[in-house]
Amino acid sequence: MSFRYQGHEEMAPSKTVMPQDTELITVTEARKILGISANKMSALISSGTLPYEQDPLDHRVKLIRRTDVEGLMRNRSHAR
């Protein structure tokens, strides 16, 4: 099983179960796409509204599925 991260193909740990077409982006990239502050992003992650995965190459980095970010954008646009 493998996943894409910033254009690189890496082997996922055997315990990770994700579809092969899942694109993961950093918290900073997700925040820029959503156009929100770092504090708001932290609140979305802490509340579980925006789930994340630990980067297998750097445990300090949180990765978010692009599809989750796009889904949150769609929900926000419908709520306005």
Protein backbone atom coordinates (compact mmCIF):
# COMPACT_ATOMS: atom_id res chain seq x y z
CA MET A 1 0.00 0.00 0.00
CA SER A 2 1.32 3.45 -0.79
CA PHE A 3 0.19 7.05 -0.56
CA ARG A 4 1.16 10.34 -2.12
CA TYR A 5 2.71 13.17 -0.13
CA GLN A 6 3.92 16.28 -1.91
CA GLY A 7 4.64 14.41 -5.12
CA HIS A 8 6.62 11.57 -3.51
CA GLU A 9 5.58 7.95 -3.40
CA GLU A 10 6.27 6.34 -0.01
CA MET A 11 5.40 3.03 1.53
CA ALA A 12 2.74 3.38 4.21
CA PRO A 13 3.16 1.54 7.50
CA SER A 14 1.30 -1.76 7.49
CA LYS A 15 -1.16 -0.53 10.15
CA THR A 16 -2.27 2.43 8.00
CA VAL A 17 -5.31 1.74 5.85
CA MET A 18 -5.90 4.41 3.21
CA PRO A 19 -6.99 4.25 -0.41
CA GLN A 20 -4.14 4.62 -2.90
CA ASP A 21 -5.66 7.77 -4.42
CA THR A 22 -5.66 9.69 -1.11
CA GLU A 23 -3.67 12.91 -1.30
CA LEU A 24 -2.37 14.18 2.01
CA ILE A 25 -1.46 17.82 2.58
CA THR A 26 0.13 19.61 5.50
CA VAL A 27 -1.85 21.61 8.05
CA THR A 28 -0.36 24.81 6.63
CA GLU A 29 -1.48 23.91 3.10
CA ALA A 30 -4.97 23.05 4.35
CA ARG A 31 -5.16 26.31 6.30
CA LYS A 32 -4.23 28.31 3.20
CA ILE A 33 -6.84 26.51 1.10
CA LEU A 34 -9.52 27.20 3.72
CA GLY A 35 -8.32 30.77 4.27
CA ILE A 36 -8.42 30.48 8.05
CA SER A 37 -6.08 31.43 10.91
CA ALA A 38 -3.75 29.02 12.65
CA ASN A 39 -5.94 29.24 15.78
CA LYS A 40 -9.10 28.30 13.84
CA MET A 41 -7.24 25.41 12.17
CA SER A 42 -6.08 24.15 15.55
CA ALA A 43 -9.67 24.29 16.83
CA LEU A 44 -10.94 22.30 13.82
CA ILE A 45 -8.31 19.61 14.40
CA SER A 46 -8.77 19.51 18.19
CA SER A 47 -12.54 19.17 17.88
CA GLY A 48 -12.21 16.32 15.39
CA THR A 49 -13.99 18.31 12.67
CA LEU A 50 -10.91 17.91 10.50
CA PRO A 51 -9.22 14.52 11.06
CA TYR A 52 -5.49 14.11 10.51
CA GLU A 53 -2.80 11.45 10.13
CA GLN A 54 0.70 11.57 11.57
CA ASP A 55 3.39 11.89 8.89
CA PRO A 56 5.21 8.52 8.91
CA LEU A 57 8.45 10.33 8.01
CA ASP A 58 8.19 13.03 10.70
CA HIS A 59 5.95 12.42 13.72
CA ARG A 60 5.77 16.18 14.41
CA VAL A 61 3.88 16.80 11.15
CA LYS A 62 0.13 16.34 10.83
CA LEU A 63 -1.26 15.49 7.40
CA ILE A 64 -4.84 16.06 6.30
CA ARG A 65 -6.70 14.46 3.42
CA ARG A 66 -7.35 16.97 0.66
CA THR A 67 -10.84 15.48 0.24
CA ASP A 68 -11.62 16.32 3.90
CA VAL A 69 -10.54 19.93 3.33
CA GLU A 70 -12.63 20.16 0.15
CA GLY A 71 -15.61 18.67 1.98
CA LEU A 72 -15.28 21.22 4.77
CA MET A 73 -15.14 24.00 2.16
CA ARG A 74 -18.36 22.71 0.56
CA ASN A 75 -20.10 22.54 3.95
CA ARG A 76 -18.97 26.08 4.81
CA SER A 77 -20.25 27.46 1.50
CA HIS A 78 -23.66 25.80 1.99
CA ALA A 79 -23.97 27.20 5.52
CA ARG A 80 -23.60 30.81 4.34
